[in-house]
Amino acid sequence: NKCRIDEAVLAQCPKLRWVGIIATGTDNLDLKACRRHGVAVANVPGYSTYSVAQMTFSLLLAICQCADRYHRLVQDGQWRTEEPAAYGLLPQVELLGKTFGIYGYTTACRAERPARRQTAPIAKAFGMEVLVCTRTIRPEYEADGVEFVDLDTLLARSDVLSLHCPATPATRGLINAATLAKAKPGMILLNTARGALVDEQAVADALKNGKLGFYGADAFGTEPLPQASPLHGLPNALLTPHIAWATNEALQRLMDITANNLRTWLDGAGENIVNA
């Protein structure tokens, strides 16, 4: 799932006919070149839906409740919290009544309920109002009980904004200095999707000047995250090493679907072909 396959590689592999990506994203493949060479490419959609949604709220709850920081305080034999700076303790935030914004909601696979839609019911269970900005609004979304808005409205009203879309020419750099200027002051930004959606320098600047309250991220523009990243060392940035997909259950699902993709292709059909 990290190997780069492009025209140069394909030219050296004349017998290649099928590539199985052990992931959902296809960023590492030149799909048009694969099509020109008659190579079918299959990915694994939806395997980490629940795990990614779970990580989204793991980040949010860690930001709002600071449970890990309070744990360290107690482990150090302390109890009172008059010195929050030593542990990075922040005022705790209750999610009830807050507005949870989601950017990206649709999926090419209609049978799947992607992480972007799975976050909505979780947010509602916390008593949050849910806003959604998405390219396509489908009839089946009506039952989700969310409000569909444009990007400017999403930015202006969201207490928490969670990114759930692929990195495409239209979405790369979506969160930048200009869009952050339109955000609700103190907004919490979450990114469990793709690092390329975010201008990390602009986010770091917004964290420093208070425009953003906190940034929780599991995906970055360059991975592993370079030590020179402007996000390193910021007290209001919670960063994890792109692990939202890596629960045991999601990994088993990933392997099962990958094997079935190959099995069905060998049988003459082929499931989850992304460059047909």
Foldseek 3Di string as FASTA:
>chain_A
DQAAEELVNLVVPLPAAEAEDLAADPVRYDLVSCVVSNHWYFYAPQLLQPLLLVVQVVLVQCLQPVVVLCVVCVVVVHDDCPPCVVSLDDHHDQLAAAEEEEEEADDPDVVHRGNSLVNLVVSVVSNHAYEYEYDDDDPVCVVSNHHYDHLLVRQDRHLEYEYDDADDPVQFQLAALVSLVSHHFQHEYEYLYEQRNHPQVRVLVCCVVRSHNAYEYQYHPDPPPDPPGSQPPRSRYHYHPSCSQPDPSSSVSSVVVSVVQVVVVVVPDGPRGDND
